[in-house]
Amino acid sequence: MIAELIRHALAEHGEARGDVVLAGTVTLIYRAESGRVRHALAHIESTYVKEVISSQHVLLEDDQSLEVLLVQGPAWRLRALCDDLRKVRGVQQIELVTTTALLPPLHSHSPKRAVAPRRAA
């Protein structure tokens, strides 16, 4: 419990500094009015392609949708993503939850190319 509180405080401190790389989730609730809102959200998410790792979309009752984004990046970029998403008309709730623990790299950044093993003749 104490370790969890410390990690939470470190994540909040990292968000305040802005330059710390964090991982987390962005949870959105919005009205799914004829696809307009979904299209606007997808356009914004595509401009943050380095930060948005994946997304999950679920239809709720009363023409509402729930979307959860798995994100990782500098705290200032994650805040900017949330600010841009919040501006979309129809978004009712948005919450960013972060942690200082990071996802492992998805791709190697080394310039070396993989070489297929040679087959015996």
N, C-alpha and C. Protein backbone atom coordinates (compact mmCIF):
# COMPACT_ATOMS: atom_id res chain seq x y z
N MET A 1 0.81 -1.19 0.00
CA MET A 1 0.00 0.00 0.00
C MET A 1 0.87 1.27 0.00
N ILE A 2 1.90 1.30 0.82
CA ILE A 2 2.78 2.47 0.88
C ILE A 2 3.55 2.61 -0.43
N ALA A 3 4.02 1.48 -0.98
CA ALA A 3 4.74 1.52 -2.26
C ALA A 3 3.83 2.06 -3.36
N GLU A 4 2.57 1.67 -3.33
CA GLU A 4 1.61 2.15 -4.33
C GLU A 4 1.43 3.65 -4.22
N LEU A 5 1.32 4.16 -3.00
CA LEU A 5 1.18 5.61 -2.79
C LEU A 5 2.42 6.36 -3.27
N ILE A 6 3.60 5.80 -3.05
CA ILE A 6 4.84 6.44 -3.50
C ILE A 6 4.87 6.48 -5.03
N ARG A 7 4.51 5.35 -5.69
CA ARG A 7 4.49 5.33 -7.16
C ARG A 7 3.49 6.35 -7.71
N HIS A 8 2.34 6.46 -7.06
CA HIS A 8 1.33 7.42 -7.49
C HIS A 8 1.85 8.85 -7.35
N ALA A 9 2.51 9.14 -6.23
CA ALA A 9 3.07 10.48 -6.01
C ALA A 9 4.17 10.79 -7.03
N LEU A 10 5.00 9.81 -7.36
CA LEU A 10 6.04 10.01 -8.37
C LEU A 10 5.44 10.28 -9.74
N ALA A 11 4.37 9.57 -10.08
CA ALA A 11 3.71 9.80 -11.37
C ALA A 11 3.12 11.20 -11.43
N GLU A 12 2.49 11.64 -10.33
CA GLU A 12 1.93 12.99 -10.29
C GLU A 12 3.04 14.04 -10.41
N HIS A 13 4.15 13.79 -9.74
CA HIS A 13 5.28 14.72 -9.81
C HIS A 13 5.82 14.77 -11.25
N GLY A 14 5.89 13.60 -11.90
CA GLY A 14 6.35 13.54 -13.28
C GLY A 14 5.42 14.28 -14.21
N GLU A 15 4.11 14.18 -13.98
CA GLU A 15 3.14 14.93 -14.79
C GLU A 15 3.35 16.42 -14.61
N ALA A 16 3.63 16.84 -13.39
CA ALA A 16 3.82 18.28 -13.13
C ALA A 16 5.09 18.79 -13.82
N ARG A 17 6.15 17.98 -13.84
CA ARG A 17 7.39 18.40 -14.48
C ARG A 17 7.24 18.45 -15.99
N GLY A 18 6.51 17.49 -16.55
CA GLY A 18 6.24 17.50 -17.98
C GLY A 18 7.23 16.78 -18.85
N ASP A 19 8.51 16.65 -18.41
CA ASP A 19 9.51 16.03 -19.27
C ASP A 19 9.73 14.56 -18.97
N VAL A 20 9.09 14.04 -17.94
CA VAL A 20 9.24 12.65 -17.55
C VAL A 20 8.37 11.77 -18.45
N VAL A 21 8.92 10.63 -18.88
CA VAL A 21 8.16 9.69 -19.70
C VAL A 21 7.32 8.81 -18.78
N LEU A 22 6.02 8.74 -19.08
CA LEU A 22 5.07 7.99 -18.27
C LEU A 22 4.27 7.04 -19.16
N ALA A 23 3.71 6.01 -18.55
CA ALA A 23 2.76 5.12 -19.22
C ALA A 23 1.45 5.25 -18.48
N GLY A 24 0.36 4.93 -19.15
CA GLY A 24 -0.92 5.00 -18.46
C GLY A 24 -2.10 4.77 -19.39
N THR A 25 -3.25 5.24 -18.94
CA THR A 25 -4.48 5.10 -19.71
C THR A 25 -5.20 6.44 -19.77
N VAL A 26 -5.90 6.64 -20.87
CA VAL A 26 -6.83 7.75 -21.01
C VAL A 26 -8.20 7.11 -21.18
N THR A 27 -9.13 7.44 -20.30
CA THR A 27 -10.48 6.89 -20.37
C THR A 27 -11.43 8.00 -20.78
N LEU A 28 -12.24 7.73 -21.82
CA LEU A 28 -13.18 8.70 -22.36
C LEU A 28 -14.60 8.14 -22.34
N ILE A 29 -15.56 8.99 -22.04
CA ILE A 29 -16.97 8.70 -22.24
C ILE A 29 -17.48 9.78 -23.17
N TYR A 30 -18.17 9.36 -24.24
CA TYR A 30 -18.67 10.35 -25.19
C TYR A 30 -19.94 9.87 -25.86
N ARG A 31 -20.67 10.81 -26.42
CA ARG A 31 -21.87 10.51 -27.20
C ARG A 31 -21.43 10.14 -28.60
N ALA A 32 -21.94 9.04 -29.11
CA ALA A 32 -21.54 8.54 -30.43
C ALA A 32 -22.50 9.06 -31.51
N GLU A 33 -22.64 10.36 -31.62
CA GLU A 33 -23.56 11.00 -32.55
C GLU A 33 -23.14 10.76 -33.99
N SER A 34 -23.78 9.83 -34.67
CA SER A 34 -23.60 9.56 -36.10
C SER A 34 -22.14 9.47 -36.55
N GLY A 35 -21.24 9.05 -35.69
CA GLY A 35 -19.85 8.85 -36.08
C GLY A 35 -18.99 10.10 -36.10
N ARG A 36 -19.59 11.27 -35.98
CA ARG A 36 -18.82 12.51 -36.04
C ARG A 36 -17.80 12.58 -34.91
N VAL A 37 -18.23 12.26 -33.70
CA VAL A 37 -17.33 12.32 -32.54
C VAL A 37 -16.22 11.28 -32.69
N ARG A 38 -16.58 10.07 -33.07
CA ARG A 38 -15.60 9.00 -33.22
C ARG A 38 -14.55 9.38 -34.28
N HIS A 39 -15.01 9.97 -35.38
CA HIS A 39 -14.08 10.39 -36.44
C HIS A 39 -13.12 11.47 -35.92
N ALA A 40 -13.64 12.44 -35.17
CA ALA A 40 -12.80 13.51 -34.62
C ALA A 40 -11.78 12.95 -33.64
N LEU A 41 -12.20 12.01 -32.79
CA LEU A 41 -11.28 11.40 -31.83
C LEU A 41 -10.19 10.61 -32.55
N ALA A 42 -10.57 9.85 -33.58
CA ALA A 42 -9.59 9.06 -34.34
C ALA A 42 -8.57 9.97 -35.01
N HIS A 43 -9.02 11.11 -35.52
CA HIS A 43 -8.10 12.05 -36.16
C HIS A 43 -7.08 12.58 -35.15
N ILE A 44 -7.54 12.94 -33.96
CA ILE A 44 -6.64 13.43 -32.91
C ILE A 44 -5.66 12.33 -32.49
N GLU A 45 -6.17 11.12 -32.28
CA GLU A 45 -5.31 10.01 -31.87
C GLU A 45 -4.23 9.74 -32.92
N SER A 46 -4.56 9.93 -34.20
CA SER A 46 -3.57 9.68 -35.25
C SER A 46 -2.43 10.71 -35.23
N THR A 47 -2.70 11.90 -34.69
CA THR A 47 -1.63 12.90 -34.58
C THR A 47 -0.72 12.60 -33.38
N TYR A 48 -1.13 11.70 -32.52
CA TYR A 48 -0.33 11.27 -31.36
C TYR A 48 0.03 9.79 -31.52
N VAL A 49 0.38 9.38 -32.73
CA VAL A 49 0.63 7.97 -33.02
C VAL A 49 1.80 7.40 -32.20
N LYS A 50 2.77 8.23 -31.83
CA LYS A 50 3.89 7.76 -31.01
C LYS A 50 3.47 7.51 -29.57
N GLU A 51 2.43 8.20 -29.11
CA GLU A 51 2.00 8.08 -27.71
C GLU A 51 0.88 7.06 -27.51
N VAL A 52 0.00 6.90 -28.49
CA VAL A 52 -1.14 5.99 -28.34
C VAL A 52 -0.71 4.59 -28.77
N ILE A 53 -0.59 3.69 -27.81
CA ILE A 53 -0.14 2.32 -28.07
C ILE A 53 -1.30 1.48 -28.61
N SER A 54 -2.48 1.61 -27.99
CA SER A 54 -3.65 0.86 -28.43
C SER A 54 -4.90 1.53 -27.88
N SER A 55 -6.05 1.11 -28.43
CA SER A 55 -7.31 1.64 -27.92
C SER A 55 -8.37 0.55 -27.91
N GLN A 56 -9.29 0.69 -26.98
CA GLN A 56 -10.42 -0.24 -26.84
C GLN A 56 -11.69 0.60 -26.84
N HIS A 57 -12.64 0.24 -27.70
CA HIS A 57 -13.88 0.99 -27.83
C HIS A 57 -15.05 0.07 -27.50
N VAL A 58 -15.96 0.54 -26.64
CA VAL A 58 -17.12 -0.25 -26.25
C VAL A 58 -18.36 0.63 -26.35
N LEU A 59 -19.42 0.08 -26.94
CA LEU A 59 -20.69 0.80 -27.00
C LEU A 59 -21.43 0.65 -25.67
N LEU A 60 -21.93 1.75 -25.16
CA LEU A 60 -22.71 1.76 -23.93
C LEU A 60 -24.17 2.04 -24.26
N GLU A 61 -25.00 2.05 -23.24
CA GLU A 61 -26.41 2.38 -23.44
C GLU A 61 -26.57 3.87 -23.75
N ASP A 62 -27.76 4.22 -24.26
CA ASP A 62 -28.12 5.62 -24.51
C ASP A 62 -27.17 6.33 -25.46
N ASP A 63 -26.72 5.64 -26.52
CA ASP A 63 -25.87 6.24 -27.55
C ASP A 63 -24.56 6.79 -26.98
N GLN A 64 -24.04 6.16 -25.95
CA GLN A 64 -22.76 6.57 -25.38
C GLN A 64 -21.71 5.52 -25.71
N SER A 65 -20.46 5.95 -25.71
CA SER A 65 -19.33 5.05 -25.93
C SER A 65 -18.29 5.25 -24.85
N LEU A 66 -17.58 4.18 -24.56
CA LEU A 66 -16.45 4.19 -23.64
C LEU A 66 -15.23 3.83 -24.46
N GLU A 67 -14.17 4.62 -24.34
CA GLU A 67 -12.93 4.31 -25.03
C GLU A 67 -11.79 4.42 -24.03
N VAL A 68 -10.91 3.43 -24.06
CA VAL A 68 -9.73 3.43 -23.20
C VAL A 68 -8.50 3.36 -24.10
N LEU A 69 -7.60 4.33 -23.94
CA LEU A 69 -6.36 4.37 -24.70
C LEU A 69 -5.21 3.98 -23.79
N LEU A 70 -4.35 3.10 -24.27
CA LEU A 70 -3.10 2.79 -23.58
C LEU A 70 -2.07 3.73 -24.17
N VAL A 71 -1.44 4.53 -23.30
CA VAL A 71 -0.53 5.58 -23.78
C VAL A 71 0.82 5.51 -23.07
N GLN A 72 1.82 6.05 -23.74
CA GLN A 72 3.14 6.20 -23.14
C GLN A 72 3.86 7.33 -23.85
N GLY A 73 4.52 8.18 -23.08
CA GLY A 73 5.27 9.28 -23.67
C GLY A 73 5.57 10.33 -22.63
N PRO A 74 6.17 11.43 -23.07
CA PRO A 74 6.46 12.53 -22.14
C PRO A 74 5.15 13.06 -21.55
N ALA A 75 5.18 13.41 -20.29
CA ALA A 75 3.98 13.86 -19.59
C ALA A 75 3.30 15.02 -20.31
N TRP A 76 4.09 15.95 -20.86
CA TRP A 76 3.50 17.10 -21.53
C TRP A 76 2.74 16.68 -22.78
N ARG A 77 3.21 15.63 -23.48
CA ARG A 77 2.50 15.15 -24.67
C ARG A 77 1.20 14.44 -24.28
N LEU A 78 1.23 13.69 -23.19
CA LEU A 78 0.01 13.01 -22.73
C LEU A 78 -1.04 14.03 -22.29
N ARG A 79 -0.59 15.10 -21.62
CA ARG A 79 -1.54 16.17 -21.24
C ARG A 79 -2.10 16.86 -22.46
N ALA A 80 -1.25 17.10 -23.47
CA ALA A 80 -1.70 17.74 -24.71
C ALA A 80 -2.72 16.87 -25.43
N LEU A 81 -2.49 15.56 -25.44
CA LEU A 81 -3.45 14.62 -26.04
C LEU A 81 -4.80 14.74 -25.34
N CYS A 82 -4.79 14.72 -24.01
CA CYS A 82 -6.05 14.84 -23.25
C CYS A 82 -6.72 16.19 -23.51
N ASP A 83 -5.96 17.25 -23.57
CA ASP A 83 -6.53 18.58 -23.85
C ASP A 83 -7.20 18.60 -25.21
N ASP A 84 -6.55 18.00 -26.22
CA ASP A 84 -7.13 17.97 -27.56
C ASP A 84 -8.39 17.10 -27.60
N LEU A 85 -8.36 15.97 -26.93
CA LEU A 85 -9.54 15.09 -26.89
C LEU A 85 -10.71 15.77 -26.17
N ARG A 86 -10.38 16.50 -25.11
CA ARG A 86 -11.40 17.18 -24.30
C ARG A 86 -12.15 18.25 -25.12
N LYS A 87 -11.50 18.82 -26.12
CA LYS A 87 -12.10 19.88 -26.93
C LYS A 87 -13.16 19.37 -27.91
N VAL A 88 -13.20 18.05 -28.13
CA VAL A 88 -14.16 17.49 -29.08
C VAL A 88 -15.56 17.57 -28.49
N ARG A 89 -16.46 18.19 -29.23
CA ARG A 89 -17.84 18.32 -28.76
C ARG A 89 -18.47 16.93 -28.70
N GLY A 90 -19.03 16.60 -27.56
CA GLY A 90 -19.62 15.28 -27.34
C GLY A 90 -18.87 14.48 -26.30
N VAL A 91 -17.60 14.84 -26.04
CA VAL A 91 -16.84 14.17 -24.98
C VAL A 91 -17.39 14.63 -23.64
N GLN A 92 -17.83 13.67 -22.85
CA GLN A 92 -18.47 13.99 -21.57
C GLN A 92 -17.52 13.85 -20.38
N GLN A 93 -16.64 12.86 -20.44
CA GLN A 93 -15.69 12.64 -19.36
C GLN A 93 -14.36 12.21 -19.96
N ILE A 94 -13.28 12.62 -19.32
CA ILE A 94 -11.95 12.17 -19.73
C ILE A 94 -11.07 12.12 -18.48
N GLU A 95 -10.27 11.07 -18.38
CA GLU A 95 -9.38 10.94 -17.23
C GLU A 95 -8.07 10.30 -17.68
N LEU A 96 -6.96 10.89 -17.27
CA LEU A 96 -5.63 10.35 -17.52
C LEU A 96 -5.11 9.78 -16.22
N VAL A 97 -4.71 8.51 -16.25
CA VAL A 97 -4.11 7.84 -15.09
C VAL A 97 -2.74 7.36 -15.53
N THR A 98 -1.69 7.77 -14.81
CA THR A 98 -0.33 7.45 -15.23
C THR A 98 0.44 6.71 -14.15
N THR A 99 1.54 6.11 -14.59
CA THR A 99 2.48 5.43 -13.71
C THR A 99 3.89 5.69 -14.23
N THR A 100 4.87 5.58 -13.36
CA THR A 100 6.25 5.76 -13.79
C THR A 100 6.82 4.50 -14.41
N ALA A 101 6.14 3.35 -14.22
CA ALA A 101 6.59 2.11 -14.86
C ALA A 101 6.30 2.22 -16.35
N LEU A 102 7.23 1.78 -17.19
CA LEU A 102 7.10 1.93 -18.63
C LEU A 102 6.93 0.58 -19.32
N LEU A 103 6.33 0.63 -20.48
CA LEU A 103 6.24 -0.55 -21.33
C LEU A 103 7.61 -0.82 -21.94
N PRO A 104 7.95 -2.08 -22.18
CA PRO A 104 9.22 -2.34 -22.86
C PRO A 104 9.12 -1.84 -24.30
N PRO A 105 10.24 -1.52 -24.94
CA PRO A 105 10.21 -1.05 -26.33
C PRO A 105 9.52 -2.07 -27.23
N LEU A 106 8.67 -1.58 -28.12
CA LEU A 106 7.95 -2.47 -29.02
C LEU A 106 8.82 -2.90 -30.19
N HIS A 107 9.75 -2.04 -30.59
CA HIS A 107 10.64 -2.33 -31.71
C HIS A 107 12.06 -1.95 -31.33
N SER A 108 13.01 -2.68 -31.86
CA SER A 108 14.40 -2.34 -31.65
C SER A 108 14.73 -1.12 -32.49
N HIS A 109 15.47 -0.19 -31.95
CA HIS A 109 15.83 1.03 -32.66
C HIS A 109 17.23 0.95 -33.26
N SER A 110 17.83 -0.23 -33.22
CA SER A 110 19.17 -0.36 -33.78
C SER A 110 19.09 -0.37 -35.30
N PRO A 111 20.08 0.21 -35.98
CA PRO A 111 20.05 0.27 -37.44
C PRO A 111 20.33 -1.06 -38.12
N LYS A 112 20.76 -2.06 -37.36
CA LYS A 112 21.06 -3.36 -37.95
C LYS A 112 19.79 -4.06 -38.40
N ARG A 113 19.86 -4.68 -39.56
CA ARG A 113 18.73 -5.44 -40.08
C ARG A 113 18.91 -6.90 -39.73
N ALA A 114 17.81 -7.55 -39.48
CA ALA A 114 17.86 -8.98 -39.18
C ALA A 114 18.25 -9.74 -40.45
N VAL A 115 19.13 -10.71 -40.29
CA VAL A 115 19.57 -11.52 -41.43
C VAL A 115 19.04 -12.93 -41.22
N ALA A 116 18.41 -13.47 -42.25
CA ALA A 116 17.87 -14.83 -42.17
C ALA A 116 19.03 -15.83 -42.10
N PRO A 117 18.89 -16.87 -41.29
CA PRO A 117 19.96 -17.86 -41.20
C PRO A 117 20.11 -18.60 -42.53
N ARG A 118 21.32 -18.98 -42.85
CA ARG A 118 21.58 -19.71 -44.10
C ARG A 118 21.16 -21.15 -43.93
N ARG A 119 20.66 -21.69 -45.02
CA ARG A 119 20.26 -23.11 -45.00
C ARG A 119 21.44 -23.96 -45.49
N ALA A 120 21.54 -25.13 -44.92
CA ALA A 120 22.60 -26.07 -45.33
C ALA A 120 22.26 -26.59 -46.73
N ALA A 121 23.27 -26.72 -47.56
CA ALA A 121 23.06 -27.18 -48.94
C ALA A 121 23.01 -28.65 -49.06
